[in-house]
């Protein structure tokens, strides 16, 4: 039964969720908020939705770049390189980004008569991004249910999984991860050096997956 909207970035995690839960996803919803890598990742989001025959909609949130601050919104040179750790990646936080996106997705879900919104947050995000943590998703779920006539709920089945766990699921589903985007710099190819590239490479290696992504480094 098609009862859910998926917030789809075009990255490894949400693309895996798209494939794993495709039988219940009525709409994949992507957001263009002016990040360095939006154009790169949303092209892959559209590609996978087309392959699976899942309706895809992109909503622009231009006010985010206009009013909020993050290295994700400030050009590739501002994105830190090195490990995916709190001290290094703190500048990549876009204030309350998931909260903003989920609020919009909840309104669309209620309008369409759908029961769920799905988000592909995972355990590796917890130390860095407050709006990926279990406490946040639990509170947001209650808010969404309280604020909608049909009690729209938030589903986050990857909350306690690692990125390697997710990658293992994706490989079993036949996903080619070279057709996903992680790099926060948003160049022609993955830079291979920023925190998200490092995390991606480590996850695929831990999962025992041959990484065919093209990296500049």
C-alpha atoms as a PDB file:
ATOM      1  CA  UNK A   1       0.000   0.000   0.000  1.00  0.00           C
ATOM      2  CA  UNK A   2       1.340   3.433  -0.976  1.00  0.00           C
ATOM      3  CA  UNK A   3       1.067   5.305   2.315  1.00  0.00           C
ATOM      4  CA  UNK A   4       4.282   7.309   2.688  1.00  0.00           C
ATOM      5  CA  UNK A   5       6.346  10.254   1.493  1.00  0.00           C
ATOM      6  CA  UNK A   6      10.124   9.845   1.531  1.00  0.00           C
ATOM      7  CA  UNK A   7      12.410  12.827   2.020  1.00  0.00           C
ATOM      8  CA  UNK A   8      14.958  11.977  -0.689  1.00  0.00           C
ATOM      9  CA  UNK A   9      18.296  13.732  -1.032  1.00  0.00           C
ATOM     10  CA  UNK A  10      19.930  11.498  -3.628  1.00  0.00           C
ATOM     11  CA  UNK A  11      22.583  10.354  -1.161  1.00  0.00           C
ATOM     12  CA  UNK A  12      23.486   6.812  -0.125  1.00  0.00           C
ATOM     13  CA  UNK A  13      21.095   6.574   2.823  1.00  0.00           C
ATOM     14  CA  UNK A  14      17.864   7.974   1.391  1.00  0.00           C
ATOM     15  CA  UNK A  15      18.426   6.210  -1.930  1.00  0.00           C
ATOM     16  CA  UNK A  16      18.686   2.909  -0.062  1.00  0.00           C
ATOM     17  CA  UNK A  17      15.443   3.695   1.737  1.00  0.00           C
ATOM     18  CA  UNK A  18      13.813   4.524  -1.604  1.00  0.00           C
ATOM     19  CA  UNK A  19      14.607   1.037  -2.891  1.00  0.00           C
ATOM     20  CA  UNK A  20      13.921  -0.834   0.322  1.00  0.00           C
ATOM     21  CA  UNK A  21      10.505   0.756   0.893  1.00  0.00           C
ATOM     22  CA  UNK A  22       9.492   1.420  -2.715  1.00  0.00           C
ATOM     23  CA  UNK A  23       6.261  -0.580  -2.366  1.00  0.00           C
ATOM     24  CA  UNK A  24       4.873   1.943   0.112  1.00  0.00           C
ATOM     25  CA  UNK A  25       6.365   5.240  -1.164  1.00  0.00           C
ATOM     26  CA  UNK A  26       3.696   7.294  -2.935  1.00  0.00           C
ATOM     27  CA  UNK A  27       5.972  10.310  -3.444  1.00  0.00           C
ATOM     28  CA  UNK A  28       9.666  11.106  -3.074  1.00  0.00           C
ATOM     29  CA  UNK A  29      10.100  14.696  -1.963  1.00  0.00           C
ATOM     30  CA  UNK A  30      13.396  16.516  -2.469  1.00  0.00           C
ATOM     31  CA  UNK A  31      14.382  20.003  -1.378  1.00  0.00           C
ATOM     32  CA  UNK A  32      16.629  22.514  -3.117  1.00  0.00           C
ATOM     33  CA  UNK A  33      17.872  24.861  -0.420  1.00  0.00           C
ATOM     34  CA  UNK A  34      20.949  26.282  -2.116  1.00  0.00           C
ATOM     35  CA  UNK A  35      23.639  23.933  -0.803  1.00  0.00           C
ATOM     36  CA  UNK A  36      26.903  23.443  -2.656  1.00  0.00           C
ATOM     37  CA  UNK A  37      25.876  19.935  -3.682  1.00  0.00           C
ATOM     38  CA  UNK A  38      22.105  20.228  -4.223  1.00  0.00           C
ATOM     39  CA  UNK A  39      22.256  20.064  -8.015  1.00  0.00           C
ATOM     40  CA  UNK A  40      24.532  17.027  -7.965  1.00  0.00           C
ATOM     41  CA  UNK A  41      22.496  14.981  -5.497  1.00  0.00           C
ATOM     42  CA  UNK A  42      19.053  15.893  -6.826  1.00  0.00           C
ATOM     43  CA  UNK A  43      20.004  14.677 -10.296  1.00  0.00           C
ATOM     44  CA  UNK A  44      20.583  11.230  -8.794  1.00  0.00           C
ATOM     45  CA  UNK A  45      17.344  11.454  -6.797  1.00  0.00           C
ATOM     46  CA  UNK A  46      15.434  12.030 -10.034  1.00  0.00           C
ATOM     47  CA  UNK A  47      17.333   9.230 -11.767  1.00  0.00           C
ATOM     48  CA  UNK A  48      16.393   6.601  -9.184  1.00  0.00           C
ATOM     49  CA  UNK A  49      12.773   7.718  -8.940  1.00  0.00           C
ATOM     50  CA  UNK A  50      12.516   7.443 -12.721  1.00  0.00           C
ATOM     51  CA  UNK A  51      14.019   3.971 -12.625  1.00  0.00           C
ATOM     52  CA  UNK A  52      11.519   2.802  -9.994  1.00  0.00           C
ATOM     53  CA  UNK A  53       8.524   4.676 -11.368  1.00  0.00           C
ATOM     54  CA  UNK A  54       8.055   6.638  -8.138  1.00  0.00           C
ATOM     55  CA  UNK A  55       6.672  10.192  -8.470  1.00  0.00           C
ATOM     56  CA  UNK A  56       9.294  12.793  -7.563  1.00  0.00           C
ATOM     57  CA  UNK A  57       8.815  16.417  -6.588  1.00  0.00           C
ATOM     58  CA  UNK A  58      11.428  19.077  -5.834  1.00  0.00           C
ATOM     59  CA  UNK A  59      10.475  21.961  -3.553  1.00  0.00           C
ATOM     60  CA  UNK A  60      12.693  25.035  -3.406  1.00  0.00           C
ATOM     61  CA  UNK A  61      13.532  26.463   0.016  1.00  0.00           C
ATOM     62  CA  UNK A  62      15.526  29.486  -1.108  1.00  0.00           C
ATOM     63  CA  UNK A  63      15.067  31.274   2.214  1.00  0.00           C
ATOM     64  CA  UNK A  64      17.445  28.800   3.865  1.00  0.00           C
ATOM     65  CA  UNK A  65      20.483  30.080   1.979  1.00  0.00           C
ATOM     66  CA  UNK A  66      19.255  33.652   2.351  1.00  0.00           C
ATOM     67  CA  UNK A  67      18.806  33.604   6.117  1.00  0.00           C
ATOM     68  CA  UNK A  68      20.768  30.669   7.583  1.00  0.00           C
ATOM     69  CA  UNK A  69      24.491  30.022   7.764  1.00  0.00           C
ATOM     70  CA  UNK A  70      26.501  26.846   7.126  1.00  0.00           C
ATOM     71  CA  UNK A  71      29.596  25.827   5.189  1.00  0.00           C
ATOM     72  CA  UNK A  72      27.182  23.799   3.021  1.00  0.00           C
ATOM     73  CA  UNK A  73      25.791  27.106   1.797  1.00  0.00           C
ATOM     74  CA  UNK A  74      29.053  29.047   1.530  1.00  0.00           C
ATOM     75  CA  UNK A  75      30.925  27.450  -1.373  1.00  0.00           C
ATOM     76  CA  UNK A  76      33.151  24.400  -1.670  1.00  0.00           C
ATOM     77  CA  UNK A  77      36.170  26.077  -0.069  1.00  0.00           C
ATOM     78  CA  UNK A  78      34.265  26.439   3.214  1.00  0.00           C
ATOM     79  CA  UNK A  79      33.616  22.690   3.583  1.00  0.00           C
ATOM     80  CA  UNK A  80      36.026  21.033   6.052  1.00  0.00           C
ATOM     81  CA  UNK A  81      38.181  18.100   5.019  1.00  0.00           C
ATOM     82  CA  UNK A  82      39.140  15.124   7.157  1.00  0.00           C
ATOM     83  CA  UNK A  83      37.234  12.832   9.486  1.00  0.00           C
ATOM     84  CA  UNK A  84      33.482  12.725   9.975  1.00  0.00           C
ATOM     85  CA  UNK A  85      33.619  13.931  13.574  1.00  0.00           C
ATOM     86  CA  UNK A  86      31.777  16.573  15.579  1.00  0.00           C
ATOM     87  CA  UNK A  87      34.594  19.115  15.854  1.00  0.00           C
ATOM     88  CA  UNK A  88      35.396  18.858  12.168  1.00  0.00           C
ATOM     89  CA  UNK A  89      31.863  18.736  10.759  1.00  0.00           C
ATOM     90  CA  UNK A  90      30.072  21.200  13.030  1.00  0.00           C
ATOM     91  CA  UNK A  91      30.270  23.953  10.388  1.00  0.00           C
ATOM     92  CA  UNK A  92      28.188  21.831   8.003  1.00  0.00           C
ATOM     93  CA  UNK A  93      25.106  21.993  10.227  1.00  0.00           C
ATOM     94  CA  UNK A  94      22.245  23.861   8.547  1.00  0.00           C
ATOM     95  CA  UNK A  95      20.131  25.025  11.518  1.00  0.00           C
ATOM     96  CA  UNK A  96      17.027  22.845  11.929  1.00  0.00           C
ATOM     97  CA  UNK A  97      17.189  21.710   8.288  1.00  0.00           C
ATOM     98  CA  UNK A  98      15.411  18.399   8.879  1.00  0.00           C
ATOM     99  CA  UNK A  99      12.788  20.095  11.011  1.00  0.00           C
ATOM    100  CA  UNK A 100      12.023  22.557   8.211  1.00  0.00           C
ATOM    101  CA  UNK A 101      11.896  19.845   5.550  1.00  0.00           C
ATOM    102  CA  UNK A 102       9.775  17.538   7.667  1.00  0.00           C
ATOM    103  CA  UNK A 103       7.284  20.317   8.370  1.00  0.00           C
ATOM    104  CA  UNK A 104       6.803  20.834   4.629  1.00  0.00           C
ATOM    105  CA  UNK A 105       6.669  17.089   3.947  1.00  0.00           C
ATOM    106  CA  UNK A 106       4.070  16.642   6.692  1.00  0.00           C
ATOM    107  CA  UNK A 107       1.833  19.264   5.098  1.00  0.00           C
ATOM    108  CA  UNK A 108       2.138  17.541   1.723  1.00  0.00           C
ATOM    109  CA  UNK A 109       1.422  14.152   3.296  1.00  0.00           C
ATOM    110  CA  UNK A 110      -1.702  15.443   5.026  1.00  0.00           C
ATOM    111  CA  UNK A 111      -2.863  17.103   1.812  1.00  0.00           C
ATOM    112  CA  UNK A 112      -2.405  13.827  -0.089  1.00  0.00           C
ATOM    113  CA  UNK A 113      -4.078  11.752   2.627  1.00  0.00           C
ATOM    114  CA  UNK A 114      -0.875   9.824   3.357  1.00  0.00           C
ATOM    115  CA  UNK A 115      -0.074   8.422   6.785  1.00  0.00           C
ATOM    116  CA  UNK A 116       3.723   8.592   6.990  1.00  0.00           C
ATOM    117  CA  UNK A 117       6.781  10.676   6.235  1.00  0.00           C
ATOM    118  CA  UNK A 118      10.071   8.764   6.035  1.00  0.00           C
ATOM    119  CA  UNK A 119      13.544  10.131   6.844  1.00  0.00           C
ATOM    120  CA  UNK A 120      16.846   8.284   6.371  1.00  0.00           C
ATOM    121  CA  UNK A 121      18.798   9.577   9.370  1.00  0.00           C
ATOM    122  CA  UNK A 122      21.278   7.093  10.869  1.00  0.00           C
ATOM    123  CA  UNK A 123      23.434   6.590  13.950  1.00  0.00           C
ATOM    124  CA  UNK A 124      26.551   8.171  12.463  1.00  0.00           C
ATOM    125  CA  UNK A 125      24.755  11.526  12.344  1.00  0.00           C
ATOM    126  CA  UNK A 126      23.815  11.642  16.022  1.00  0.00           C
ATOM    127  CA  UNK A 127      26.932  13.342  17.387  1.00  0.00           C
ATOM    128  CA  UNK A 128      26.902  16.101  14.760  1.00  0.00           C
ATOM    129  CA  UNK A 129      23.344  16.890  13.690  1.00  0.00           C
ATOM    130  CA  UNK A 130      20.762  17.542  16.441  1.00  0.00           C
ATOM    131  CA  UNK A 131      17.869  17.052  14.020  1.00  0.00           C
ATOM    132  CA  UNK A 132      18.955  13.486  13.256  1.00  0.00           C
ATOM    133  CA  UNK A 133      19.011  12.223  16.842  1.00  0.00           C
ATOM    134  CA  UNK A 134      16.505   9.757  18.333  1.00  0.00           C
ATOM    135  CA  UNK A 135      15.204  12.425  20.732  1.00  0.00           C
ATOM    136  CA  UNK A 136      14.449  14.748  17.838  1.00  0.00           C
ATOM    137  CA  UNK A 137      12.670  12.207  15.664  1.00  0.00           C
ATOM    138  CA  UNK A 138      10.572  11.019  18.614  1.00  0.00           C
ATOM    139  CA  UNK A 139       9.533  14.588  19.437  1.00  0.00           C
ATOM    140  CA  UNK A 140       8.910  15.454  15.794  1.00  0.00           C
ATOM    141  CA  UNK A 141       6.754  12.375  15.370  1.00  0.00           C
ATOM    142  CA  UNK A 142       4.532  13.487  18.262  1.00  0.00           C
ATOM    143  CA  UNK A 143       4.342  17.018  16.853  1.00  0.00           C
ATOM    144  CA  UNK A 144       3.384  15.781  13.401  1.00  0.00           C
ATOM    145  CA  UNK A 145       0.669  13.516  14.766  1.00  0.00           C
ATOM    146  CA  UNK A 146      -0.718  16.269  16.991  1.00  0.00           C
ATOM    147  CA  UNK A 147      -0.701  18.847  14.211  1.00  0.00           C
ATOM    148  CA  UNK A 148      -2.482  16.889  11.464  1.00  0.00           C
ATOM    149  CA  UNK A 149      -6.066  15.700  11.163  1.00  0.00           C
ATOM    150  CA  UNK A 150      -5.004  12.260   9.977  1.00  0.00           C
ATOM    151  CA  UNK A 151      -2.137  11.893  12.479  1.00  0.00           C
ATOM    152  CA  UNK A 152       0.783  11.824  10.040  1.00  0.00           C
ATOM    153  CA  UNK A 153       3.639   9.853  11.629  1.00  0.00           C
ATOM    154  CA  UNK A 154       7.400   9.966  11.142  1.00  0.00           C
ATOM    155  CA  UNK A 155       9.165   6.721  10.179  1.00  0.00           C
ATOM    156  CA  UNK A 156      12.944   6.554  10.668  1.00  0.00           C
ATOM    157  CA  UNK A 157      13.898   2.862  10.377  1.00  0.00           C
ATOM    158  CA  UNK A 158      17.629   3.630   9.959  1.00  0.00           C
ATOM    159  CA  UNK A 159      17.977   5.693  13.160  1.00  0.00           C
ATOM    160  CA  UNK A 160      20.066   3.059  14.946  1.00  0.00           C
ATOM    161  CA  UNK A 161      21.893   1.656  11.906  1.00  0.00           C
ATOM    162  CA  UNK A 162      25.392   2.594  10.798  1.00  0.00           C
ATOM    163  CA  UNK A 163      26.109   3.781   7.270  1.00  0.00           C
ATOM    164  CA  UNK A 164      27.823   0.442   6.596  1.00  0.00           C
ATOM    165  CA  UNK A 165      24.664  -1.380   7.729  1.00  0.00           C
ATOM    166  CA  UNK A 166      22.642   0.691   5.277  1.00  0.00           C
ATOM    167  CA  UNK A 167      25.100   0.043   2.457  1.00  0.00           C
ATOM    168  CA  UNK A 168      24.850  -3.716   3.015  1.00  0.00           C
ATOM    169  CA  UNK A 169      21.082  -3.459   2.622  1.00  0.00           C
ATOM    170  CA  UNK A 170      21.487  -1.436  -0.542  1.00  0.00           C
ATOM    171  CA  UNK A 171      23.818  -3.881  -2.214  1.00  0.00           C
ATOM    172  CA  UNK A 172      21.325  -6.681  -1.585  1.00  0.00           C
ATOM    173  CA  UNK A 173      18.775  -4.479  -3.384  1.00  0.00           C
ATOM    174  CA  UNK A 174      21.038  -4.035  -6.389  1.00  0.00           C
ATOM    175  CA  UNK A 175      21.868  -0.349  -5.860  1.00  0.00           C
ATOM    176  CA  UNK A 176      24.867   1.056  -7.727  1.00  0.00           C
ATOM    177  CA  UNK A 177      26.215   3.524  -5.178  1.00  0.00           C
ATOM    178  CA  UNK A 178      28.317   5.305  -7.775  1.00  0.00           C
ATOM    179  CA  UNK A 179      24.937   6.718  -8.873  1.00  0.00           C
ATOM    180  CA  UNK A 180      24.457   8.505  -5.534  1.00  0.00           C
ATOM    181  CA  UNK A 181      26.025  11.677  -4.199  1.00  0.00           C
ATOM    182  CA  UNK A 182      27.668  12.411  -0.840  1.00  0.00           C
ATOM    183  CA  UNK A 183      30.341  15.095  -1.354  1.00  0.00           C
ATOM    184  CA  UNK A 184      29.520  18.404   0.333  1.00  0.00           C
ATOM    185  CA  UNK A 185      31.759  20.349  -2.055  1.00  0.00           C
ATOM    186  CA  UNK A 186      29.553  19.618  -5.055  1.00  0.00           C
ATOM    187  CA  UNK A 187      32.216  19.502  -7.764  1.00  0.00           C
ATOM    188  CA  UNK A 188      32.182  17.459 -10.953  1.00  0.00           C
ATOM    189  CA  UNK A 189      33.346  14.404  -8.997  1.00  0.00           C
ATOM    190  CA  UNK A 190      33.444  13.493  -5.292  1.00  0.00           C
ATOM    191  CA  UNK A 191      36.431  15.278  -3.760  1.00  0.00           C
ATOM    192  CA  UNK A 192      37.391  12.254  -1.649  1.00  0.00           C
ATOM    193  CA  UNK A 193      38.632  14.450   1.198  1.00  0.00           C
ATOM    194  CA  UNK A 194      35.656  16.148   2.871  1.00  0.00           C
ATOM    195  CA  UNK A 195      34.015  14.528   5.898  1.00  0.00           C
ATOM    196  CA  UNK A 196      31.128  13.031   3.953  1.00  0.00           C
ATOM    197  CA  UNK A 197      33.434  11.557   1.315  1.00  0.00           C
ATOM    198  CA  UNK A 198      35.609  10.032   4.047  1.00  0.00           C
ATOM    199  CA  UNK A 199      32.525   8.620   5.787  1.00  0.00           C
ATOM    200  CA  UNK A 200      31.214   7.215   2.490  1.00  0.00           C
ATOM    201  CA  UNK A 201      34.509   5.492   1.644  1.00  0.00           C
ATOM    202  CA  UNK A 202      34.831   4.023   5.139  1.00  0.00           C
ATOM    203  CA  UNK A 203      31.234   2.726   5.134  1.00  0.00           C
ATOM    204  CA  UNK A 204      31.551   1.019   1.771  1.00  0.00           C
ATOM    205  CA  UNK A 205      34.883  -0.500   2.782  1.00  0.00           C
ATOM    206  CA  UNK A 206      33.459  -1.745   6.097  1.00  0.00           C
ATOM    207  CA  UNK A 207      30.500  -3.242   4.247  1.00  0.00           C
ATOM    208  CA  UNK A 208      32.871  -5.095   1.902  1.00  0.00           C
ATOM    209  CA  UNK A 209      31.591  -3.245  -1.159  1.00  0.00           C
ATOM    210  CA  UNK A 210      33.800  -2.340  -4.097  1.00  0.00           C
ATOM    211  CA  UNK A 211      33.612   1.432  -4.353  1.00  0.00           C
ATOM    212  CA  UNK A 212      33.298   2.503  -7.992  1.00  0.00           C
ATOM    213  CA  UNK A 213      32.713   6.152  -7.148  1.00  0.00           C
ATOM    214  CA  UNK A 214      35.029   8.534  -9.014  1.00  0.00           C
ATOM    215  CA  UNK A 215      37.017  10.604  -6.504  1.00  0.00           C
ATOM    216  CA  UNK A 216      39.275  13.530  -7.309  1.00  0.00           C
ATOM    217  CA  UNK A 217      41.641  12.325  -4.584  1.00  0.00           C
END
